[in-house]
Amino acid sequence: MKKQPYQLQTKLLHNAQKVDGLTGAVSVPVNRTSTFHQFDFDKYGKYDYSRSGNPTRESLEEVIAELEGGYKGFAFASGMAAISTALMILSKGDHLLISEDVYGGTFRFVTKVLPRFGVDYTFVDMSHIEEVAANIKDNTKIVYIETPSNPLMKIADIKQIAKLAKEKDCLTFVDNTFMTPVLQRPLELGADVVLYSATKFIAGHSDCVAGLAVAAHKEIAEQIYFLQNTIGAVLSPDDSWLVLRGLKTLHVRMAQSSRSAQQIAEFLSGHSAVQEVYYPGLDNHADRDIHEAQSQSPGAVLSFSLKDEQSVRIFKRHAEIPVFSVSLGAVESILSYPAKMSHAAMPKQEREKRGITDGLLRFSVGLEDPDDLIKDFAKALSAVERLSEIGIGG
């Protein structure tokens, strides 16, 4: 009888790295070495120098490729190292089409670094397929998607955009950080490369900085490996182990945090102090149907807007549970202020044009009891209403 493939929840634990082939250890060994002895003068072994390949890093790369259904995976020193290295396949004269409310670090790389190499770019609202079609040029080489987008949770139809890109001989890259392979698998929808800040949900414990890329086919994998080895922004063995450790609990963490996020989004959407809630699990989200068709869940990140910066300051001062910081996707809930954190690299005019206002907050839901989080937010929002009426800031 043919063996049935495991579901992803099982594959997170039972994959090619389930046990160490040499010792039987159920945890991947950490190979802290920079170089490898060669036993033959004329024929070198698989590994020679850890920038080019390290057994611990390779274990992570194999696992993420298997989870995504890709040809080859790559582990980098940060999410931006993964994104920028992958985008360096572009050459002088090429054009990049990219989501308009993309992560601020990606915006900075695209607008400040790529033009130095003669690469042109256009930002579009990827939730409108007609805008994507209208802005693909003869020299467009990559269509770059974030879905849900950061921080406004706009939804791009991966399958339709990838189909359109292929018709125009373009590659499709997808930043899947918010969803992870547990909730959304872009390569199965036609994307060529999927990218992650593995610092976030995949590692999940705020204890390492990492990036991942998975290529769907050999040709693009060879290009990314050449750049990974040449640029050298690779993930360390210790951090590779931490990411592998985080993957083992990814499914249960995403399930719990997503359930909580739905409850919190529904609470916020009914509160008088909240102007708008951005979350694809809400009935009023414009592209909820598209997201449901390509994802397993609305996810664990939402954004919501208050009246202004003063209201944000008051809210932050009275919300006790979440960490107020850069980043997301951890076991602890994280409240972020995009205008001065994730999108600080984006000029104010560009932010506001995209709807990233001074009253916008992004919330990454952790593993706390959702009722505790809702009570905490209710108290903070009451303070916003009370103190805003009398003109007192935070």
Protein backbone atom coordinates (compact mmCIF):
# COMPACT_ATOMS: atom_id res chain seq x y z
CA MET A 1 0.00 0.00 0.00
CA LYS A 2 1.29 3.44 -0.94
CA LYS A 3 2.26 5.50 2.09
CA GLN A 4 0.01 8.51 2.52
CA PRO A 5 1.76 11.88 2.90
CA TYR A 6 1.65 13.48 6.33
CA GLN A 7 -0.38 16.59 6.99
CA LEU A 8 1.72 19.71 7.57
CA GLN A 9 1.02 19.63 11.31
CA THR A 10 2.74 16.23 11.45
CA LYS A 11 5.51 17.18 9.00
CA LEU A 12 6.62 19.97 11.35
CA LEU A 13 7.81 17.19 13.67
CA HIS A 14 8.34 14.22 11.37
CA ASN A 15 10.48 15.35 8.45
CA ALA A 16 13.91 14.60 7.04
CA GLN A 17 15.47 16.08 10.19
CA LYS A 18 13.42 14.01 12.66
CA VAL A 19 16.51 12.29 14.04
CA ASP A 20 20.24 12.68 13.53
CA GLY A 21 21.43 9.91 11.24
CA LEU A 22 24.73 9.47 13.08
CA THR A 23 23.61 9.40 16.73
CA GLY A 24 19.83 9.11 16.67
CA ALA A 25 19.49 12.42 18.52
CA VAL A 26 15.98 13.88 18.20
CA SER A 27 17.40 17.40 18.10
CA VAL A 28 19.56 18.54 15.18
CA PRO A 29 23.21 18.95 16.24
CA VAL A 30 24.62 22.47 16.29
CA ASN A 31 27.76 22.46 14.13
CA ARG A 32 29.70 25.48 15.37
CA THR A 33 32.49 25.40 12.86
CA SER A 34 33.76 27.87 10.31
CA THR A 35 35.69 25.37 8.20
CA PHE A 36 35.91 21.63 7.45
CA HIS A 37 38.92 19.35 7.11
CA GLN A 38 39.32 17.84 3.63
CA PHE A 39 40.48 14.23 3.70
CA ASP A 40 41.42 14.07 0.05
CA PHE A 41 43.77 16.47 -1.75
CA ASP A 42 41.92 16.28 -5.05
CA LYS A 43 38.33 15.58 -4.04
CA TYR A 44 36.76 17.80 -1.39
CA GLY A 45 33.83 16.85 0.80
CA LYS A 46 30.30 18.29 0.76
CA TYR A 47 31.23 21.11 3.15
CA ASP A 48 34.28 23.32 2.96
CA TYR A 49 33.41 26.67 4.59
CA SER A 50 30.30 27.53 6.60
CA ARG A 51 29.37 30.55 4.50
CA SER A 52 28.92 28.15 1.58
CA GLY A 53 27.20 25.44 3.59
CA ASN A 54 26.80 24.33 7.20
CA PRO A 55 25.06 21.11 8.31
CA THR A 56 22.83 22.83 10.89
CA ARG A 57 21.80 25.59 8.52
CA GLU A 58 21.24 23.03 5.78
CA SER A 59 18.91 21.08 8.07
CA LEU A 60 16.72 24.16 8.43
CA GLU A 61 16.90 24.86 4.71
CA GLU A 62 15.77 21.32 3.91
CA VAL A 63 12.87 21.47 6.37
CA ILE A 64 11.48 24.79 5.12
CA ALA A 65 11.74 23.62 1.50
CA GLU A 66 9.82 20.46 2.39
CA LEU A 67 7.12 22.40 4.26
CA GLU A 68 6.65 24.80 1.34
CA GLY A 69 6.81 22.13 -1.35
CA GLY A 70 9.75 23.96 -2.92
CA TYR A 71 12.90 22.91 -4.73
CA LYS A 72 15.42 24.42 -2.29
CA GLY A 73 15.44 26.54 0.86
CA PHE A 74 17.89 29.18 2.08
CA ALA A 75 18.50 30.57 5.56
CA PHE A 76 19.74 34.12 6.06
CA ALA A 77 20.89 36.34 8.90
CA SER A 78 17.61 38.32 8.85
CA GLY A 79 14.40 38.71 6.93
CA MET A 80 15.84 41.71 5.12
CA ALA A 81 18.94 39.68 4.22
CA ALA A 82 16.65 37.11 2.59
CA ILE A 83 14.58 39.74 0.77
CA SER A 84 17.48 41.89 -0.42
CA THR A 85 19.58 38.91 -1.52
CA ALA A 86 16.68 37.43 -3.50
CA LEU A 87 15.97 40.81 -5.15
CA MET A 88 19.60 41.07 -6.22
CA ILE A 89 18.79 38.71 -9.09
CA LEU A 90 17.57 41.92 -10.73
CA SER A 91 19.98 43.64 -13.12
CA LYS A 92 20.44 47.09 -14.59
CA GLY A 93 17.44 48.03 -16.71
CA ASP A 94 15.04 45.65 -14.97
CA HIS A 95 11.73 46.71 -13.43
CA LEU A 96 10.18 45.56 -10.14
CA LEU A 97 6.42 45.72 -9.49
CA ILE A 98 5.73 45.72 -5.75
CA SER A 99 2.90 45.99 -3.19
CA GLU A 100 2.37 49.61 -2.16
CA ASP A 101 2.09 49.19 1.63
CA VAL A 102 5.06 46.87 1.83
CA TYR A 103 7.18 46.49 4.99
CA GLY A 104 9.26 49.62 5.63
CA GLY A 105 12.61 47.84 5.37
CA THR A 106 11.65 46.45 1.98
CA PHE A 107 10.51 49.93 0.91
CA ARG A 108 13.90 51.32 1.94
CA PHE A 109 15.84 48.68 -0.01
CA VAL A 110 13.71 49.12 -3.11
CA THR A 111 13.77 52.92 -3.12
CA LYS A 112 17.29 53.61 -1.81
CA VAL A 113 19.43 50.65 -2.92
CA LEU A 114 18.04 49.10 -6.10
CA PRO A 115 18.11 52.42 -8.05
CA ARG A 116 21.89 52.57 -7.51
CA PHE A 117 22.09 49.48 -9.71
CA GLY A 118 19.78 50.85 -12.39
CA VAL A 119 16.69 48.93 -11.28
CA ASP A 120 13.33 50.69 -11.69
CA TYR A 121 10.26 50.03 -9.55
CA THR A 122 6.54 50.76 -9.31
CA PHE A 123 4.36 50.47 -6.20
CA VAL A 124 0.76 49.37 -6.81
CA ASP A 125 -2.23 48.25 -4.78
CA MET A 126 -1.96 44.51 -5.33
CA SER A 127 -5.50 43.98 -4.09
CA HIS A 128 -6.63 45.30 -7.50
CA ILE A 129 -5.55 42.85 -10.21
CA GLU A 130 -6.22 45.45 -12.90
CA GLU A 131 -3.57 47.72 -11.37
CA VAL A 132 -1.08 44.87 -11.48
CA ALA A 133 -1.87 44.17 -15.12
CA ALA A 134 -1.71 47.84 -16.09
CA ASN A 135 1.72 48.36 -14.53
CA ILE A 136 3.64 45.33 -15.82
CA LYS A 137 6.18 46.62 -18.31
CA ASP A 138 8.25 44.92 -20.98
CA ASN A 139 11.24 45.01 -18.61
CA THR A 140 9.36 43.84 -15.49
CA LYS A 141 11.19 40.84 -14.06
CA ILE A 142 9.62 40.38 -10.62
CA VAL A 143 6.16 40.96 -9.18
CA TYR A 144 6.60 41.21 -5.41
CA ILE A 145 3.60 40.59 -3.15
CA GLU A 146 2.88 40.94 0.55
CA THR A 147 -0.43 39.37 1.46
CA PRO A 148 -1.80 40.20 3.92
CA SER A 149 0.10 43.45 3.50
CA ASN A 150 1.94 45.14 6.32
CA PRO A 151 0.27 46.88 8.13
CA LEU A 152 -3.10 47.43 6.38
CA MET A 153 -3.84 43.74 5.80
CA LYS A 154 -4.72 44.17 2.12
CA ILE A 155 -5.14 40.92 0.25
CA ALA A 156 -3.57 40.07 -3.10
CA ASP A 157 -4.82 37.12 -5.12
CA ILE A 158 -1.60 35.10 -5.35
CA LYS A 159 -2.90 32.60 -7.89
CA GLN A 160 -4.23 35.23 -10.29
CA ILE A 161 -1.18 37.49 -10.00
CA ALA A 162 1.22 34.56 -10.48
CA LYS A 163 -0.73 33.49 -13.56
CA LEU A 164 -0.58 37.02 -14.96
CA ALA A 165 3.14 37.27 -14.17
CA LYS A 166 3.90 34.01 -15.96
CA GLU A 167 2.02 35.22 -19.03
CA LYS A 168 4.31 38.27 -19.02
CA ASP A 169 7.45 36.16 -18.35
CA CYS A 170 7.86 37.57 -14.83
CA LEU A 171 8.73 35.89 -11.55
CA THR A 172 6.40 36.13 -8.55
CA PHE A 173 7.90 36.67 -5.08
CA VAL A 174 5.69 36.49 -1.98
CA ASP A 175 6.55 37.71 1.51
CA ASN A 176 4.58 35.19 3.58
CA THR A 177 5.78 36.30 7.02
CA PHE A 178 2.30 36.96 8.46
CA MET A 179 0.86 33.61 7.37
CA THR A 180 3.72 31.05 7.54
CA PRO A 181 3.49 27.75 5.64
CA VAL A 182 0.93 26.59 8.22
CA LEU A 183 -1.70 29.04 6.96
CA GLN A 184 -0.66 29.86 3.38
CA ARG A 185 1.62 28.21 0.82
CA PRO A 186 2.34 30.59 -2.07
CA LEU A 187 4.40 28.13 -4.12
CA GLU A 188 1.34 25.87 -4.43
CA LEU A 189 -0.52 28.90 -5.82
CA GLY A 190 2.05 29.54 -8.52
CA ALA A 191 4.65 31.77 -6.87
CA ASP A 192 8.33 31.27 -7.72
CA VAL A 193 9.89 32.38 -4.43
CA VAL A 194 8.46 32.63 -0.92
CA LEU A 195 10.22 34.83 1.65
CA TYR A 196 10.11 35.10 5.43
CA SER A 197 11.31 37.08 8.31
CA ALA A 198 11.71 33.89 10.34
CA THR A 199 12.38 36.11 13.34
CA LYS A 200 8.61 36.35 13.57
CA PHE A 201 6.12 33.47 13.79
CA ILE A 202 8.40 30.73 12.48
CA ALA A 203 10.98 31.10 15.26
CA GLY A 204 8.31 32.61 17.46
CA HIS A 205 10.11 33.38 20.73
CA SER A 206 11.80 36.78 20.24
CA ASP A 207 15.18 35.15 20.74
CA CYS A 208 16.78 35.19 17.28
CA VAL A 209 16.86 37.16 14.04
CA ALA A 210 16.55 35.09 10.86
CA GLY A 211 15.30 35.07 7.29
CA LEU A 212 14.22 32.30 4.92
CA ALA A 213 13.67 31.93 1.21
CA VAL A 214 12.32 28.97 -0.74
CA ALA A 215 12.65 28.66 -4.51
CA ALA A 216 10.08 26.71 -6.48
CA HIS A 217 12.43 25.48 -9.19
CA LYS A 218 16.08 24.77 -9.92
CA GLU A 219 16.90 27.80 -12.07
CA ILE A 220 15.89 30.42 -9.50
CA ALA A 221 17.40 28.30 -6.69
CA GLU A 222 20.79 28.35 -8.39
CA GLN A 223 20.64 32.13 -8.73
CA ILE A 224 19.72 32.62 -5.07
CA TYR A 225 22.40 30.20 -3.87
CA PHE A 226 25.04 32.04 -5.89
CA LEU A 227 23.99 35.31 -4.28
CA GLN A 228 23.71 33.79 -0.80
CA ASN A 229 27.24 32.43 -1.04
CA THR A 230 28.60 35.60 -2.65
CA ILE A 231 26.96 38.16 -0.35
CA GLY A 232 27.36 35.95 2.69
CA ALA A 233 24.50 37.09 4.95
CA VAL A 234 23.92 33.54 6.18
CA LEU A 235 22.24 32.32 9.35
CA SER A 236 24.46 31.07 12.15
CA PRO A 237 24.28 27.43 13.32
CA ASP A 238 22.90 28.46 16.72
CA ASP A 239 20.15 30.60 15.24
CA SER A 240 19.38 27.88 12.70
CA TRP A 241 18.78 25.53 15.62
CA LEU A 242 16.50 28.06 17.32
CA VAL A 243 14.40 28.39 14.17
CA LEU A 244 14.18 24.59 13.87
CA ARG A 245 13.05 24.47 17.49
CA GLY A 246 10.41 27.13 16.81
CA LEU A 247 9.03 25.24 13.81
CA LYS A 248 8.06 22.29 16.02
CA THR A 249 5.37 24.32 17.79
CA LEU A 250 4.40 26.56 14.87
CA HIS A 251 1.07 24.89 14.14
CA VAL A 252 -0.29 25.08 17.68
CA ARG A 253 0.98 28.64 18.15
CA MET A 254 -0.61 29.87 14.92
CA ALA A 255 -3.90 28.13 15.71
CA GLN A 256 -4.18 29.64 19.19
CA SER A 257 -3.01 33.12 18.22
CA SER A 258 -5.32 33.22 15.21
CA ARG A 259 -8.35 32.27 17.29
CA SER A 260 -7.50 35.01 19.76
CA ALA A 261 -6.92 37.54 16.98
CA GLN A 262 -10.42 36.91 15.63
CA GLN A 263 -11.95 37.60 19.05
CA ILE A 264 -9.91 40.75 19.56
CA ALA A 265 -10.65 42.08 16.07
CA GLU A 266 -14.38 41.61 16.64
CA PHE A 267 -14.13 43.41 19.98
CA LEU A 268 -12.20 46.33 18.52
CA SER A 269 -14.54 46.66 15.54
CA GLY A 270 -17.43 47.34 17.93
CA HIS A 271 -15.67 49.92 20.12
CA SER A 272 -16.51 53.60 19.72
CA ALA A 273 -12.91 54.76 20.17
CA VAL A 274 -11.67 52.63 17.26
CA GLN A 275 -12.08 54.17 13.83
CA GLU A 276 -11.24 51.12 11.74
CA VAL A 277 -10.00 47.55 12.16
CA TYR A 278 -7.92 45.85 9.47
CA TYR A 279 -8.24 42.07 9.68
CA PRO A 280 -9.21 39.60 6.92
CA GLY A 281 -11.37 37.61 9.33
CA LEU A 282 -13.95 40.37 9.63
CA ASP A 283 -17.07 40.35 7.47
CA ASN A 284 -16.43 43.90 6.27
CA HIS A 285 -12.95 43.18 4.92
CA ALA A 286 -13.10 43.91 1.19
CA ASP A 287 -11.13 40.82 0.14
CA ARG A 288 -12.11 38.32 2.80
CA ASP A 289 -13.30 35.81 0.17
CA ILE A 290 -9.96 35.89 -1.67
CA HIS A 291 -8.03 35.41 1.55
CA GLU A 292 -10.22 32.49 2.61
CA ALA A 293 -9.68 30.84 -0.76
CA GLN A 294 -5.89 30.90 -0.49
CA SER A 295 -5.31 30.65 3.27
CA GLN A 296 -6.28 28.43 6.18
CA SER A 297 -7.02 31.27 8.62
CA PRO A 298 -7.11 35.08 8.89
CA GLY A 299 -3.90 34.88 10.90
CA ALA A 300 -2.64 36.39 14.12
CA VAL A 301 -1.92 39.99 13.11
CA LEU A 302 -4.38 42.86 12.93
CA SER A 303 -4.18 46.64 12.76
CA PHE A 304 -6.56 49.27 14.07
CA SER A 305 -6.72 53.02 13.91
CA LEU A 306 -7.45 55.53 16.62
CA LYS A 307 -8.18 59.22 16.10
CA ASP A 308 -4.61 60.53 16.18
CA GLU A 309 -1.15 60.20 17.73
CA GLN A 310 -2.38 61.57 21.07
CA SER A 311 -4.91 58.75 21.26
CA VAL A 312 -2.19 56.22 20.46
CA ARG A 313 -0.01 57.63 23.24
CA ILE A 314 -2.84 57.31 25.75
CA PHE A 315 -3.65 53.78 24.62
CA LYS A 316 -0.02 52.69 24.87
CA ARG A 317 0.29 54.13 28.38
CA HIS A 318 -2.74 52.22 29.66
CA ALA A 319 -2.35 48.87 27.84
CA GLU A 320 -0.36 46.72 30.25
CA ILE A 321 -0.11 43.26 28.70
CA PRO A 322 1.45 43.64 25.22
CA VAL A 323 5.09 44.43 24.69
CA PHE A 324 5.37 47.78 22.89
CA SER A 325 8.12 47.16 20.39
CA VAL A 326 9.33 46.50 16.89
CA SER A 327 8.61 43.02 15.49
CA LEU A 328 5.70 40.58 15.68
CA GLY A 329 4.91 36.89 15.71
CA ALA A 330 6.10 35.99 19.20
CA VAL A 331 4.60 34.00 22.06
CA GLU A 332 4.01 37.33 23.80
CA SER A 333 1.64 39.83 22.20
CA ILE A 334 3.39 42.78 20.57
CA LEU A 335 1.89 46.20 19.99
CA SER A 336 3.68 48.28 17.35
CA TYR A 337 3.35 51.83 16.04
CA PRO A 338 4.08 51.61 12.29
CA ALA A 339 4.63 55.34 11.81
CA LYS A 340 7.68 55.24 14.07
CA MET A 341 8.63 51.56 13.96
CA SER A 342 8.09 49.21 11.00
CA HIS A 343 7.49 52.05 8.51
CA ALA A 344 9.76 54.73 9.94
CA ALA A 345 11.88 54.43 6.77
CA MET A 346 8.87 55.51 4.71
CA PRO A 347 8.45 59.30 4.38
CA LYS A 348 5.34 60.67 6.11
CA GLN A 349 3.80 61.71 2.80
CA GLU A 350 4.25 58.18 1.40
CA ARG A 351 2.87 56.61 4.58
CA GLU A 352 -0.24 58.75 4.65
CA LYS A 353 -0.85 58.19 0.93
CA ARG A 354 -1.00 54.47 1.72
CA GLY A 355 -3.26 54.94 4.74
CA ILE A 356 -0.55 54.39 7.36
CA THR A 357 -1.67 57.25 9.58
CA ASP A 358 -0.35 58.58 12.88
CA GLY A 359 -3.31 56.90 14.58
CA LEU A 360 -2.56 53.39 13.30
CA LEU A 361 -1.46 50.56 15.59
CA ARG A 362 -0.46 47.02 14.59
CA PHE A 363 -1.12 44.20 17.01
CA SER A 364 0.48 40.75 16.85
CA VAL A 365 -1.48 38.39 19.07
CA GLY A 366 0.49 36.04 21.27
CA LEU A 367 -0.50 33.16 23.53
CA GLU A 368 -2.09 35.08 26.40
CA ASP A 369 -5.71 34.41 27.31
CA PRO A 370 -7.75 36.48 24.81
CA ASP A 371 -10.17 37.56 27.54
CA ASP A 372 -7.27 39.12 29.44
CA LEU A 373 -6.14 40.95 26.31
CA ILE A 374 -9.65 42.23 25.61
CA LYS A 375 -10.05 43.49 29.18
CA ASP A 376 -6.67 45.19 28.96
CA PHE A 377 -7.61 46.87 25.66
CA ALA A 378 -11.04 47.88 26.98
CA LYS A 379 -9.38 49.66 29.88
CA ALA A 380 -6.90 51.42 27.57
CA LEU A 381 -9.63 52.47 25.13
CA SER A 382 -11.75 53.85 27.98
CA ALA A 383 -8.76 55.97 28.94
CA VAL A 384 -8.48 57.16 25.34
CA GLU A 385 -12.09 58.29 25.32
CA ARG A 386 -11.92 59.88 28.76
CA LEU A 387 -8.63 61.71 28.39
CA SER A 388 -9.14 62.71 24.77
CA GLU A 389 -12.33 64.53 25.74
CA ILE A 390 -10.41 66.76 28.13
CA GLY A 391 -7.36 67.09 25.82
CA ILE A 392 -4.80 65.19 27.91
CA GLY A 393 -2.07 63.32 26.01
CA GLY A 394 0.07 60.37 27.00
